[in-house]
Every structure is written in structure tokens, then in C-alpha cells.
Amino acid sequence: MSKTILIVDDARSMRGLVAMTLKGAGYEVIEACDGQDALVQISGKKVHMVITDLNMPNMNGIELIKALKADPAFKFLPMVMLTTESEEAKKKEGQLAGAKAWIVKPFKPDTVLNVVRKIIG
């Protein structure tokens, strides 16, 4: 059975690029346009990982991670930031919120796949 990954990014083209990369490697993908949409999309579903952008309207990536980590159903769900932000302070904030990894855009598809495989197989 393939593993399911939720991709959260307000840029449709970025979601599409990440989805194409993951689907090509055999993963199932659910897409959301921001943190609030992600909470709706993940509800009642078995998801193995979340890959989220940081800067999004309505609810940013760090707020999303905190919201999911506060829910017992998702407390141990691995989450990865995929963002243009590369400042150490932002990375530290993400790590404290519960992000397992931080990938800076633009990214190489192999980088995303290596992180995903390392965390969820």
C-alpha cells in the first residue's frame, strides 16, 4: 500500500510540481492551498507526512504544524517545511513547532524524495 502525503502551498504550480515528483515515486498525494484548507483536507484521512510552505494566507505553515501537533491524531505525524525562507531564526521556529526537515525553494526533486524516503520510507 502506498503512503499518502499532504502538500500545502498557496502556489498551485508548486503543489503540482511536488505532487508530480511524489506521484512519480509511487506516493499518493492530497493537496491544500493553505493551512486552513489543509486542516479540512486531512480530516478523517490516513496521512503519513505533511509537506508545507511557510508563507501562506489564512494560516501559515508554522501555525499549521502547531495546530496539527496539538491534535492527538496527528501529534506524531512527520512534517516538512518547503519554503523560500532560509533564515536560521525561521528554521529554528519551524523546528520548535515540530518540523522534521526544512527544504529551501527552488529545490531539486531528488532532494524532496530523499527527505521523504528518509522520514517515511
PDB file of N, CA and C in Angstrom:
ATOM      1  N   MET A   1       0.833  -1.187   0.000  1.00  0.00           N
ATOM      2  CA  MET A   1       0.000   0.000   0.000  1.00  0.00           C
ATOM      3  C   MET A   1       0.876   1.249   0.000  1.00  0.00           C
ATOM      4  N   SER A   2       0.553   2.188  -0.861  1.00  0.00           N
ATOM      5  CA  SER A   2       1.385   3.389  -0.937  1.00  0.00           C
ATOM      6  C   SER A   2       1.067   4.353   0.203  1.00  0.00           C
ATOM      7  N   LYS A   3       2.013   5.187   0.509  1.00  0.00           N
ATOM      8  CA  LYS A   3       1.852   6.160   1.589  1.00  0.00           C
ATOM      9  C   LYS A   3       1.309   7.465   1.025  1.00  0.00           C
ATOM     10  N   THR A   4       0.541   8.164   1.857  1.00  0.00           N
ATOM     11  CA  THR A   4      -0.119   9.398   1.439  1.00  0.00           C
ATOM     12  C   THR A   4       0.571  10.607   2.062  1.00  0.00           C
ATOM     13  N   ILE A   5       0.802  11.620   1.228  1.00  0.00           N
ATOM     14  CA  ILE A   5       1.461  12.847   1.669  1.00  0.00           C
ATOM     15  C   ILE A   5       0.556  14.029   1.351  1.00  0.00           C
ATOM     16  N   LEU A   6       0.366  14.898   2.332  1.00  0.00           N
ATOM     17  CA  LEU A   6      -0.393  16.130   2.143  1.00  0.00           C
ATOM     18  C   LEU A   6       0.576  17.243   1.776  1.00  0.00           C
ATOM     19  N   ILE A   7       0.332  17.892   0.626  1.00  0.00           N
ATOM     20  CA  ILE A   7       1.153  19.019   0.171  1.00  0.00           C
ATOM     21  C   ILE A   7       0.346  20.291   0.389  1.00  0.00           C
ATOM     22  N   VAL A   8       0.947  21.255   1.097  1.00  0.00           N
ATOM     23  CA  VAL A   8       0.250  22.506   1.403  1.00  0.00           C
ATOM     24  C   VAL A   8       1.077  23.670   0.867  1.00  0.00           C
ATOM     25  N   ASP A   9       0.528  24.377  -0.109  1.00  0.00           N
ATOM     26  CA  ASP A   9       1.221  25.530  -0.700  1.00  0.00           C
ATOM     27  C   ASP A   9       0.180  26.385  -1.413  1.00  0.00           C
ATOM     28  N   ASP A  10       0.276  27.695  -1.261  1.00  0.00           N
ATOM     29  CA  ASP A  10      -0.694  28.578  -1.913  1.00  0.00           C
ATOM     30  C   ASP A  10      -0.416  28.729  -3.407  1.00  0.00           C
ATOM     31  N   ALA A  11       0.744  28.312  -3.866  1.00  0.00           N
ATOM     32  CA  ALA A  11       1.074  28.373  -5.298  1.00  0.00           C
ATOM     33  C   ALA A  11       0.695  27.044  -5.958  1.00  0.00           C
ATOM     34  N   ARG A  12      -0.315  27.075  -6.811  1.00  0.00           N
ATOM     35  CA  ARG A  12      -0.795  25.864  -7.483  1.00  0.00           C
ATOM     36  C   ARG A  12       0.324  25.181  -8.262  1.00  0.00           C
ATOM     37  N   SER A  13       1.171  25.977  -8.923  1.00  0.00           N
ATOM     38  CA  SER A  13       2.259  25.397  -9.719  1.00  0.00           C
ATOM     39  C   SER A  13       3.244  24.638  -8.829  1.00  0.00           C
ATOM     40  N   MET A  14       3.510  25.161  -7.639  1.00  0.00           N
ATOM     41  CA  MET A  14       4.428  24.487  -6.720  1.00  0.00           C
ATOM     42  C   MET A  14       3.812  23.184  -6.211  1.00  0.00           C
ATOM     43  N   ARG A  15       2.528  23.227  -5.862  1.00  0.00           N
ATOM     44  CA  ARG A  15       1.848  21.991  -5.434  1.00  0.00           C
ATOM     45  C   ARG A  15       1.912  20.955  -6.546  1.00  0.00           C
ATOM     46  N   GLY A  16       1.683  21.402  -7.770  1.00  0.00           N
ATOM     47  CA  GLY A  16       1.706  20.485  -8.905  1.00  0.00           C
ATOM     48  C   GLY A  16       3.069  19.857  -9.117  1.00  0.00           C
ATOM     49  N   LEU A  17       4.121  20.652  -8.986  1.00  0.00           N
ATOM     50  CA  LEU A  17       5.481  20.157  -9.159  1.00  0.00           C
ATOM     51  C   LEU A  17       5.834  19.123  -8.086  1.00  0.00           C
ATOM     52  N   VAL A  18       5.502  19.435  -6.835  1.00  0.00           N
ATOM     53  CA  VAL A  18       5.786  18.498  -5.741  1.00  0.00           C
ATOM     54  C   VAL A  18       4.938  17.230  -5.908  1.00  0.00           C
ATOM     55  N   ALA A  19       3.657  17.416  -6.264  1.00  0.00           N
ATOM     56  CA  ALA A  19       2.763  16.262  -6.457  1.00  0.00           C
ATOM     57  C   ALA A  19       3.278  15.350  -7.561  1.00  0.00           C
ATOM     58  N   MET A  20       3.697  15.937  -8.666  1.00  0.00           N
ATOM     59  CA  MET A  20       4.213  15.153  -9.781  1.00  0.00           C
ATOM     60  C   MET A  20       5.447  14.350  -9.350  1.00  0.00           C
ATOM     61  N   THR A  21       6.327  14.985  -8.599  1.00  0.00           N
ATOM     62  CA  THR A  21       7.539  14.321  -8.103  1.00  0.00           C
ATOM     63  C   THR A  21       7.169  13.134  -7.214  1.00  0.00           C
ATOM     64  N   LEU A  22       6.251  13.366  -6.281  1.00  0.00           N
ATOM     65  CA  LEU A  22       5.880  12.312  -5.333  1.00  0.00           C
ATOM     66  C   LEU A  22       5.078  11.191  -5.994  1.00  0.00           C
ATOM     67  N   LYS A  23       4.134  11.554  -6.859  1.00  0.00           N
ATOM     68  CA  LYS A  23       3.336  10.537  -7.551  1.00  0.00           C
ATOM     69  C   LYS A  23       4.228   9.667  -8.432  1.00  0.00           C
ATOM     70  N   GLY A  24       5.230  10.294  -9.053  1.00  0.00           N
ATOM     71  CA  GLY A  24       6.171   9.548  -9.892  1.00  0.00           C
ATOM     72  C   GLY A  24       6.966   8.524  -9.107  1.00  0.00           C
ATOM     73  N   ALA A  25       7.093   8.751  -7.790  1.00  0.00           N
ATOM     74  CA  ALA A  25       7.826   7.823  -6.924  1.00  0.00           C
ATOM     75  C   ALA A  25       6.877   6.844  -6.221  1.00  0.00           C
ATOM     76  N   GLY A  26       5.580   6.919  -6.568  1.00  0.00           N
ATOM     77  CA  GLY A  26       4.635   5.955  -6.028  1.00  0.00           C
ATOM     78  C   GLY A  26       3.838   6.380  -4.810  1.00  0.00           C
ATOM     79  N   TYR A  27       3.939   7.633  -4.424  1.00  0.00           N
ATOM     80  CA  TYR A  27       3.183   8.115  -3.266  1.00  0.00           C
ATOM     81  C   TYR A  27       1.813   8.637  -3.710  1.00  0.00           C
ATOM     82  N   GLU A  28       0.847   8.538  -2.814  1.00  0.00           N
ATOM     83  CA  GLU A  28      -0.459   9.173  -3.013  1.00  0.00           C
ATOM     84  C   GLU A  28      -0.324  10.608  -2.513  1.00  0.00           C
ATOM     85  N   VAL A  29      -1.078  11.537  -3.116  1.00  0.00           N
ATOM     86  CA  VAL A  29      -0.945  12.948  -2.760  1.00  0.00           C
ATOM     87  C   VAL A  29      -2.314  13.573  -2.529  1.00  0.00           C
ATOM     88  N   ILE A  30      -2.396  14.375  -1.474  1.00  0.00           N
ATOM     89  CA  ILE A  30      -3.555  15.228  -1.217  1.00  0.00           C
ATOM     90  C   ILE A  30      -3.008  16.651  -1.243  1.00  0.00           C
ATOM     91  N   GLU A  31      -3.744  17.580  -1.855  1.00  0.00           N
ATOM     92  CA  GLU A  31      -3.265  18.959  -1.950  1.00  0.00           C
ATOM     93  C   GLU A  31      -4.171  19.913  -1.177  1.00  0.00           C
ATOM     94  N   ALA A  32      -3.546  20.953  -0.603  1.00  0.00           N
ATOM     95  CA  ALA A  32      -4.278  22.009   0.088  1.00  0.00           C
ATOM     96  C   ALA A  32      -3.623  23.340  -0.243  1.00  0.00           C
ATOM     97  N   CYS A  33      -4.429  24.418  -0.291  1.00  0.00           N
ATOM     98  CA  CYS A  33      -3.921  25.725  -0.717  1.00  0.00           C
ATOM     99  C   CYS A  33      -3.431  26.600   0.431  1.00  0.00           C
ATOM    100  N   ASP A  34      -3.711  26.235   1.673  1.00  0.00           N
ATOM    101  CA  ASP A  34      -3.195  26.960   2.843  1.00  0.00           C
ATOM    102  C   ASP A  34      -3.437  26.096   4.079  1.00  0.00           C
ATOM    103  N   GLY A  35      -3.029  26.601   5.231  1.00  0.00           N
ATOM    104  CA  GLY A  35      -3.160  25.815   6.454  1.00  0.00           C
ATOM    105  C   GLY A  35      -4.588  25.459   6.806  1.00  0.00           C
ATOM    106  N   GLN A  36      -5.505  26.404   6.635  1.00  0.00           N
ATOM    107  CA  GLN A  36      -6.913  26.122   6.949  1.00  0.00           C
ATOM    108  C   GLN A  36      -7.462  25.029   6.035  1.00  0.00           C
ATOM    109  N   ASP A  37      -7.166  25.125   4.751  1.00  0.00           N
ATOM    110  CA  ASP A  37      -7.588  24.103   3.796  1.00  0.00           C
ATOM    111  C   ASP A  37      -6.959  22.755   4.157  1.00  0.00           C
ATOM    112  N   ALA A  38      -5.722  22.770   4.612  1.00  0.00           N
ATOM    113  CA  ALA A  38      -5.031  21.530   5.000  1.00  0.00           C
ATOM    114  C   ALA A  38      -5.761  20.832   6.135  1.00  0.00           C
ATOM    115  N   LEU A  39      -6.235  21.597   7.117  1.00  0.00           N
ATOM    116  CA  LEU A  39      -6.958  21.002   8.242  1.00  0.00           C
ATOM    117  C   LEU A  39      -8.242  20.327   7.763  1.00  0.00           C
ATOM    118  N   VAL A  40      -8.888  20.914   6.756  1.00  0.00           N
ATOM    119  CA  VAL A  40     -10.092  20.313   6.172  1.00  0.00           C
ATOM    120  C   VAL A  40      -9.716  19.055   5.391  1.00  0.00           C
ATOM    121  N   GLN A  41      -8.678  19.148   4.556  1.00  0.00           N
ATOM    122  CA  GLN A  41      -8.277  18.034   3.688  1.00  0.00           C
ATOM    123  C   GLN A  41      -7.788  16.811   4.470  1.00  0.00           C
ATOM    124  N   ILE A  42      -7.149  17.043   5.610  1.00  0.00           N
ATOM    125  CA  ILE A  42      -6.550  15.931   6.360  1.00  0.00           C
ATOM    126  C   ILE A  42      -7.562  15.247   7.275  1.00  0.00           C
ATOM    127  N   SER A  43      -8.652  15.926   7.568  1.00  0.00           N
ATOM    128  CA  SER A  43      -9.659  15.401   8.492  1.00  0.00           C
ATOM    129  C   SER A  43     -10.187  14.039   8.048  1.00  0.00           C
ATOM    130  N   GLY A  44     -10.068  13.058   8.932  1.00  0.00           N
ATOM    131  CA  GLY A  44     -10.590  11.727   8.662  1.00  0.00           C
ATOM    132  C   GLY A  44      -9.775  10.890   7.700  1.00  0.00           C
ATOM    133  N   LYS A  45      -8.610  11.370   7.308  1.00  0.00           N
ATOM    134  CA  LYS A  45      -7.783  10.632   6.344  1.00  0.00           C
ATOM    135  C   LYS A  45      -6.514  10.093   7.009  1.00  0.00           C
ATOM    136  N   LYS A  46      -5.995   9.012   6.458  1.00  0.00           N
ATOM    137  CA  LYS A  46      -4.723   8.454   6.912  1.00  0.00           C
ATOM    138  C   LYS A  46      -3.623   9.092   6.064  1.00  0.00           C
ATOM    139  N   VAL A  47      -2.885  10.002   6.680  1.00  0.00           N
ATOM    140  CA  VAL A  47      -1.796  10.694   6.002  1.00  0.00           C
ATOM    141  C   VAL A  47      -0.498  10.320   6.712  1.00  0.00           C
ATOM    142  N   HIS A  48       0.557  10.085   5.941  1.00  0.00           N
ATOM    143  CA  HIS A  48       1.838   9.651   6.505  1.00  0.00           C
ATOM    144  C   HIS A  48       2.836  10.790   6.686  1.00  0.00           C
ATOM    145  N   MET A  49       2.602  11.923   5.999  1.00  0.00           N
ATOM    146  CA  MET A  49       3.521  13.058   6.083  1.00  0.00           C
ATOM    147  C   MET A  49       2.832  14.305   5.548  1.00  0.00           C
ATOM    148  N   VAL A  50       3.272  15.468   6.060  1.00  0.00           N
ATOM    149  CA  VAL A  50       2.820  16.758   5.541  1.00  0.00           C
ATOM    150  C   VAL A  50       4.042  17.516   5.046  1.00  0.00           C
ATOM    151  N   ILE A  51       3.944  18.067   3.830  1.00  0.00           N
ATOM    152  CA  ILE A  51       4.971  18.965   3.303  1.00  0.00           C
ATOM    153  C   ILE A  51       4.278  20.308   3.123  1.00  0.00           C
ATOM    154  N   THR A  52       4.743  21.326   3.858  1.00  0.00           N
ATOM    155  CA  THR A  52       4.051  22.609   3.835  1.00  0.00           C
ATOM    156  C   THR A  52       4.978  23.786   3.557  1.00  0.00           C
ATOM    157  N   ASP A  53       4.425  24.751   2.851  1.00  0.00           N
ATOM    158  CA  ASP A  53       5.080  26.033   2.645  1.00  0.00           C
ATOM    159  C   ASP A  53       4.996  26.801   3.968  1.00  0.00           C
ATOM    160  N   LEU A  54       5.787  27.833   4.111  1.00  0.00           N
ATOM    161  CA  LEU A  54       5.714  28.672   5.301  1.00  0.00           C
ATOM    162  C   LEU A  54       4.748  29.832   5.089  1.00  0.00           C
ATOM    163  N   ASN A  55       5.002  30.638   4.069  1.00  0.00           N
ATOM    164  CA  ASN A  55       4.234  31.867   3.851  1.00  0.00           C
ATOM    165  C   ASN A  55       3.000  31.598   3.001  1.00  0.00           C
ATOM    166  N   MET A  56       1.829  31.584   3.674  1.00  0.00           N
ATOM    167  CA  MET A  56       0.552  31.357   3.001  1.00  0.00           C
ATOM    168  C   MET A  56      -0.507  32.224   3.674  1.00  0.00           C
ATOM    169  N   PRO A  57      -1.563  32.572   2.933  1.00  0.00           N
ATOM    170  CA  PRO A  57      -2.658  33.319   3.553  1.00  0.00           C
ATOM    171  C   PRO A  57      -3.448  32.430   4.518  1.00  0.00           C
ATOM    172  N   ASN A  58      -4.262  33.045   5.344  1.00  0.00           N
ATOM    173  CA  ASN A  58      -5.190  32.379   6.277  1.00  0.00           C
ATOM    174  C   ASN A  58      -4.512  31.656   7.429  1.00  0.00           C
ATOM    175  N   MET A  59      -3.597  30.755   7.146  1.00  0.00           N
ATOM    176  CA  MET A  59      -2.840  30.047   8.190  1.00  0.00           C
ATOM    177  C   MET A  59      -1.517  29.627   7.581  1.00  0.00           C
ATOM    178  N   ASN A  60      -0.399  30.122   8.146  1.00  0.00           N
ATOM    179  CA  ASN A  60       0.904  29.791   7.579  1.00  0.00           C
ATOM    180  C   ASN A  60       1.356  28.390   8.003  1.00  0.00           C
ATOM    181  N   GLY A  61       2.502  27.976   7.469  1.00  0.00           N
ATOM    182  CA  GLY A  61       2.987  26.625   7.721  1.00  0.00           C
ATOM    183  C   GLY A  61       3.309  26.325   9.166  1.00  0.00           C
ATOM    184  N   ILE A  62       3.886  27.277   9.877  1.00  0.00           N
ATOM    185  CA  ILE A  62       4.215  27.035  11.290  1.00  0.00           C
ATOM    186  C   ILE A  62       2.934  26.949  12.117  1.00  0.00           C
ATOM    187  N   GLU A  63       1.956  27.797  11.824  1.00  0.00           N
ATOM    188  CA  GLU A  63       0.661  27.710  12.508  1.00  0.00           C
ATOM    189  C   GLU A  63      -0.003  26.367  12.233  1.00  0.00           C
ATOM    190  N   LEU A  64       0.112  25.889  10.986  1.00  0.00           N
ATOM    191  CA  LEU A  64      -0.447  24.587  10.627  1.00  0.00           C
ATOM    192  C   LEU A  64       0.219  23.467  11.421  1.00  0.00           C
ATOM    193  N   ILE A  65       1.531  23.480  11.470  1.00  0.00           N
ATOM    194  CA  ILE A  65       2.256  22.445  12.212  1.00  0.00           C
ATOM    195  C   ILE A  65       1.827  22.452  13.676  1.00  0.00           C
ATOM    196  N   LYS A  66       1.748  23.628  14.273  1.00  0.00           N
ATOM    197  CA  LYS A  66       1.329  23.721  15.683  1.00  0.00           C
ATOM    198  C   LYS A  66      -0.089  23.185  15.871  1.00  0.00           C
ATOM    199  N   ALA A  67      -0.990  23.528  14.942  1.00  0.00           N
ATOM    200  CA  ALA A  67      -2.377  23.056  15.038  1.00  0.00           C
ATOM    201  C   ALA A  67      -2.439  21.533  14.934  1.00  0.00           C
ATOM    202  N   LEU A  68      -1.688  20.964  14.007  1.00  0.00           N
ATOM    203  CA  LEU A  68      -1.693  19.510  13.844  1.00  0.00           C
ATOM    204  C   LEU A  68      -1.042  18.812  15.034  1.00  0.00           C
ATOM    205  N   LYS A  69       0.059  19.351  15.520  1.00  0.00           N
ATOM    206  CA  LYS A  69       0.753  18.738  16.661  1.00  0.00           C
ATOM    207  C   LYS A  69      -0.110  18.785  17.934  1.00  0.00           C
ATOM    208  N   ALA A  70      -1.029  19.756  18.016  1.00  0.00           N
ATOM    209  CA  ALA A  70      -1.920  19.872  19.173  1.00  0.00           C
ATOM    210  C   ALA A  70      -3.053  18.845  19.130  1.00  0.00           C
ATOM    211  N   ASP A  71      -3.271  18.227  17.963  1.00  0.00           N
ATOM    212  CA  ASP A  71      -4.323  17.229  17.783  1.00  0.00           C
ATOM    213  C   ASP A  71      -3.722  15.848  18.026  1.00  0.00           C
ATOM    214  N   PRO A  72      -4.242  15.097  19.012  1.00  0.00           N
ATOM    215  CA  PRO A  72      -3.666  13.774  19.307  1.00  0.00           C
ATOM    216  C   PRO A  72      -3.585  12.847  18.092  1.00  0.00           C
ATOM    217  N   ALA A  73      -4.495  12.996  17.131  1.00  0.00           N
ATOM    218  CA  ALA A  73      -4.485  12.145  15.940  1.00  0.00           C
ATOM    219  C   ALA A  73      -3.269  12.406  15.051  1.00  0.00           C
ATOM    220  N   PHE A  74      -2.690  13.601  15.150  1.00  0.00           N
ATOM    221  CA  PHE A  74      -1.578  13.975  14.267  1.00  0.00           C
ATOM    222  C   PHE A  74      -0.299  14.339  15.023  1.00  0.00           C
ATOM    223  N   LYS A  75      -0.294  14.111  16.324  1.00  0.00           N
ATOM    224  CA  LYS A  75       0.836  14.510  17.174  1.00  0.00           C
ATOM    225  C   LYS A  75       2.178  13.979  16.667  1.00  0.00           C
ATOM    226  N   PHE A  76       2.186  12.761  16.126  1.00  0.00           N
ATOM    227  CA  PHE A  76       3.439  12.141  15.690  1.00  0.00           C
ATOM    228  C   PHE A  76       3.603  12.136  14.169  1.00  0.00           C
ATOM    229  N   LEU A  77       2.735  12.840  13.471  1.00  0.00           N
ATOM    230  CA  LEU A  77       2.811  12.924  12.017  1.00  0.00           C
ATOM    231  C   LEU A  77       4.033  13.747  11.610  1.00  0.00           C
ATOM    232  N   PRO A  78       4.934  13.189  10.776  1.00  0.00           N
ATOM    233  CA  PRO A  78       6.107  13.957  10.356  1.00  0.00           C
ATOM    234  C   PRO A  78       5.720  15.099   9.415  1.00  0.00           C
ATOM    235  N   MET A  79       6.320  16.267   9.654  1.00  0.00           N
ATOM    236  CA  MET A  79       6.040  17.448   8.849  1.00  0.00           C
ATOM    237  C   MET A  79       7.332  18.086   8.384  1.00  0.00           C
ATOM    238  N   VAL A  80       7.322  18.517   7.122  1.00  0.00           N
ATOM    239  CA  VAL A  80       8.500  19.094   6.480  1.00  0.00           C
ATOM    240  C   VAL A  80       8.113  20.461   5.923  1.00  0.00           C
ATOM    241  N   MET A  81       8.985  21.438   6.108  1.00  0.00           N
ATOM    242  CA  MET A  81       8.786  22.766   5.526  1.00  0.00           C
ATOM    243  C   MET A  81       9.474  22.802   4.161  1.00  0.00           C
ATOM    244  N   LEU A  82       8.752  23.315   3.160  1.00  0.00           N
ATOM    245  CA  LEU A  82       9.295  23.522   1.815  1.00  0.00           C
ATOM    246  C   LEU A  82       9.005  24.975   1.473  1.00  0.00           C
ATOM    247  N   THR A  83      10.026  25.834   1.567  1.00  0.00           N
ATOM    248  CA  THR A  83       9.797  27.273   1.529  1.00  0.00           C
ATOM    249  C   THR A  83      10.982  28.027   0.938  1.00  0.00           C
ATOM    250  N   THR A  84      10.752  29.264   0.573  1.00  0.00           N
ATOM    251  CA  THR A  84      11.847  30.121   0.102  1.00  0.00           C
ATOM    252  C   THR A  84      12.658  30.676   1.266  1.00  0.00           C
ATOM    253  N   GLU A  85      12.129  30.588   2.470  1.00  0.00           N
ATOM    254  CA  GLU A  85      12.803  31.123   3.656  1.00  0.00           C
ATOM    255  C   GLU A  85      14.015  30.259   4.018  1.00  0.00           C
ATOM    256  N   SER A  86      15.147  30.920   4.259  1.00  0.00           N
ATOM    257  CA  SER A  86      16.339  30.160   4.639  1.00  0.00           C
ATOM    258  C   SER A  86      17.022  30.719   5.888  1.00  0.00           C
ATOM    259  N   GLU A  87      16.389  31.686   6.537  1.00  0.00           N
ATOM    260  CA  GLU A  87      16.977  32.282   7.744  1.00  0.00           C
ATOM    261  C   GLU A  87      17.005  31.259   8.880  1.00  0.00           C
ATOM    262  N   GLU A  88      18.083  31.281   9.638  1.00  0.00           N
ATOM    263  CA  GLU A  88      18.231  30.350  10.758  1.00  0.00           C
ATOM    264  C   GLU A  88      17.121  30.541  11.789  1.00  0.00           C
ATOM    265  N   ALA A  89      16.699  31.783  12.026  1.00  0.00           N
ATOM    266  CA  ALA A  89      15.641  32.040  13.008  1.00  0.00           C
ATOM    267  C   ALA A  89      14.334  31.378  12.586  1.00  0.00           C
ATOM    268  N   LYS A  90      14.020  31.438  11.297  1.00  0.00           N
ATOM    269  CA  LYS A  90      12.800  30.796  10.790  1.00  0.00           C
ATOM    270  C   LYS A  90      12.921  29.278  10.902  1.00  0.00           C
ATOM    271  N   LYS A  91      14.090  28.747  10.561  1.00  0.00           N
ATOM    272  CA  LYS A  91      14.305  27.301  10.657  1.00  0.00           C
ATOM    273  C   LYS A  91      14.131  26.832  12.104  1.00  0.00           C
ATOM    274  N   LYS A  92      14.678  27.602  13.031  1.00  0.00           N
ATOM    275  CA  LYS A  92      14.577  27.264  14.453  1.00  0.00           C
ATOM    276  C   LYS A  92      13.113  27.297  14.897  1.00  0.00           C
ATOM    277  N   GLU A  93      12.367  28.316  14.438  1.00  0.00           N
ATOM    278  CA  GLU A  93      10.948  28.413  14.770  1.00  0.00           C
ATOM    279  C   GLU A  93      10.189  27.194  14.237  1.00  0.00           C
ATOM    280  N   GLY A  94      10.504  26.793  13.023  1.00  0.00           N
ATOM    281  CA  GLY A  94       9.881  25.612  12.441  1.00  0.00           C
ATOM    282  C   GLY A  94      10.216  24.350  13.206  1.00  0.00           C
ATOM    283  N   GLN A  95      11.476  24.224  13.577  1.00  0.00           N
ATOM    284  CA  GLN A  95      11.924  23.060  14.329  1.00  0.00           C
ATOM    285  C   GLN A  95      11.222  22.996  15.687  1.00  0.00           C
ATOM    286  N   LEU A  96      11.117  24.135  16.356  1.00  0.00           N
ATOM    287  CA  LEU A  96      10.443  24.177  17.656  1.00  0.00           C
ATOM    288  C   LEU A  96       8.958  23.847  17.529  1.00  0.00           C
ATOM    289  N   ALA A  97       8.356  24.218  16.404  1.00  0.00           N
ATOM    290  CA  ALA A  97       6.948  23.910  16.165  1.00  0.00           C
ATOM    291  C   ALA A  97       6.745  22.419  15.906  1.00  0.00           C
ATOM    292  N   GLY A  98       7.787  21.755  15.379  1.00  0.00           N
ATOM    293  CA  GLY A  98       7.690  20.324  15.132  1.00  0.00           C
ATOM    294  C   GLY A  98       8.098  19.865  13.744  1.00  0.00           C
ATOM    295  N   ALA A  99       8.645  20.764  12.925  1.00  0.00           N
ATOM    296  CA  ALA A  99       9.094  20.373  11.587  1.00  0.00           C
ATOM    297  C   ALA A  99      10.305  19.443  11.696  1.00  0.00           C
ATOM    298  N   LYS A 100      10.268  18.348  10.944  1.00  0.00           N
ATOM    299  CA  LYS A 100      11.366  17.369  10.948  1.00  0.00           C
ATOM    300  C   LYS A 100      12.495  17.753   9.999  1.00  0.00           C
ATOM    301  N   ALA A 101      12.160  18.524   8.957  1.00  0.00           N
ATOM    302  CA  ALA A 101      13.157  18.916   7.958  1.00  0.00           C
ATOM    303  C   ALA A 101      12.735  20.232   7.340  1.00  0.00           C
ATOM    304  N   TRP A 102      13.691  20.897   6.669  1.00  0.00           N
ATOM    305  CA  TRP A 102      13.482  22.202   6.067  1.00  0.00           C
ATOM    306  C   TRP A 102      14.126  22.165   4.688  1.00  0.00           C
ATOM    307  N   ILE A 103      13.324  22.295   3.645  1.00  0.00           N
ATOM    308  CA  ILE A 103      13.839  22.286   2.277  1.00  0.00           C
ATOM    309  C   ILE A 103      13.600  23.675   1.691  1.00  0.00           C
ATOM    310  N   VAL A 104      14.658  24.257   1.119  1.00  0.00           N
ATOM    311  CA  VAL A 104      14.562  25.610   0.568  1.00  0.00           C
ATOM    312  C   VAL A 104      14.255  25.545  -0.927  1.00  0.00           C
ATOM    313  N   LYS A 105      13.274  26.368  -1.354  1.00  0.00           N
ATOM    314  CA  LYS A 105      12.943  26.521  -2.780  1.00  0.00           C
ATOM    315  C   LYS A 105      13.925  27.496  -3.395  1.00  0.00           C
ATOM    316  N   PRO A 106      14.262  27.370  -4.656  1.00  0.00           N
ATOM    317  CA  PRO A 106      13.890  26.253  -5.523  1.00  0.00           C
ATOM    318  C   PRO A 106      14.607  24.983  -5.086  1.00  0.00           C
ATOM    319  N   PHE A 107      13.976  23.861  -5.334  1.00  0.00           N
ATOM    320  CA  PHE A 107      14.510  22.585  -4.871  1.00  0.00           C
ATOM    321  C   PHE A 107      14.681  21.640  -6.043  1.00  0.00           C
ATOM    322  N   LYS A 108      15.505  20.631  -5.823  1.00  0.00           N
ATOM    323  CA  LYS A 108      15.655  19.557  -6.798  1.00  0.00           C
ATOM    324  C   LYS A 108      14.696  18.441  -6.387  1.00  0.00           C
ATOM    325  N   PRO A 109      13.971  17.858  -7.336  1.00  0.00           N
ATOM    326  CA  PRO A 109      13.050  16.766  -6.997  1.00  0.00           C
ATOM    327  C   PRO A 109      13.702  15.666  -6.160  1.00  0.00           C
ATOM    328  N   ASP A 110      14.953  15.327  -6.472  1.00  0.00           N
ATOM    329  CA  ASP A 110      15.650  14.284  -5.709  1.00  0.00           C
ATOM    330  C   ASP A 110      15.805  14.665  -4.242  1.00  0.00           C
ATOM    331  N   THR A 111      15.959  15.951  -3.962  1.00  0.00           N
ATOM    332  CA  THR A 111      16.097  16.404  -2.577  1.00  0.00           C
ATOM    333  C   THR A 111      14.825  16.093  -1.802  1.00  0.00           C
ATOM    334  N   VAL A 112      13.678  16.419  -2.396  1.00  0.00           N
ATOM    335  CA  VAL A 112      12.395  16.139  -1.741  1.00  0.00           C
ATOM    336  C   VAL A 112      12.223  14.632  -1.540  1.00  0.00           C
ATOM    337  N   LEU A 113      12.489  13.863  -2.584  1.00  0.00           N
ATOM    338  CA  LEU A 113      12.330  12.407  -2.479  1.00  0.00           C
ATOM    339  C   LEU A 113      13.261  11.806  -1.431  1.00  0.00           C
ATOM    340  N   ASN A 114      14.485  12.293  -1.354  1.00  0.00           N
ATOM    341  CA  ASN A 114      15.427  11.773  -0.355  1.00  0.00           C
ATOM    342  C   ASN A 114      14.931  12.048   1.059  1.00  0.00           C
ATOM    343  N   VAL A 115      14.398  13.246   1.295  1.00  0.00           N
ATOM    344  CA  VAL A 115      13.878  13.601   2.614  1.00  0.00           C
ATOM    345  C   VAL A 115      12.668  12.718   2.952  1.00  0.00           C
ATOM    346  N   VAL A 116      11.757  12.591   1.998  1.00  0.00           N
ATOM    347  CA  VAL A 116      10.551  11.785   2.211  1.00  0.00           C
ATOM    348  C   VAL A 116      10.934  10.331   2.512  1.00  0.00           C
ATOM    349  N   ARG A 117      11.813   9.770   1.709  1.00  0.00           N
ATOM    350  CA  ARG A 117      12.216   8.366   1.904  1.00  0.00           C
ATOM    351  C   ARG A 117      12.922   8.166   3.253  1.00  0.00           C
ATOM    352  N   LYS A 118      13.728   9.138   3.641  1.00  0.00           N
ATOM    353  CA  LYS A 118      14.453   9.043   4.909  1.00  0.00           C
ATOM    354  C   LYS A 118      13.466   9.055   6.085  1.00  0.00           C
ATOM    355  N   ILE A 119      12.396   9.848   5.968  1.00  0.00           N
ATOM    356  CA  ILE A 119      11.465  10.002   7.095  1.00  0.00           C
ATOM    357  C   ILE A 119      10.375   8.930   7.112  1.00  0.00           C
ATOM    358  N   ILE A 120       9.764   8.619   5.961  1.00  0.00           N
ATOM    359  CA  ILE A 120       8.640   7.674   5.974  1.00  0.00           C
ATOM    360  C   ILE A 120       8.859   6.419   5.119  1.00  0.00           C
ATOM    361  N   GLY A 121       9.991   6.373   4.418  1.00  0.00           N
ATOM    362  CA  GLY A 121      10.291   5.183   3.621  1.00  0.00           C
ATOM    363  C   GLY A 121       9.725   5.229   2.203  1.00  0.00           C
TER     364      GLY A 121
END
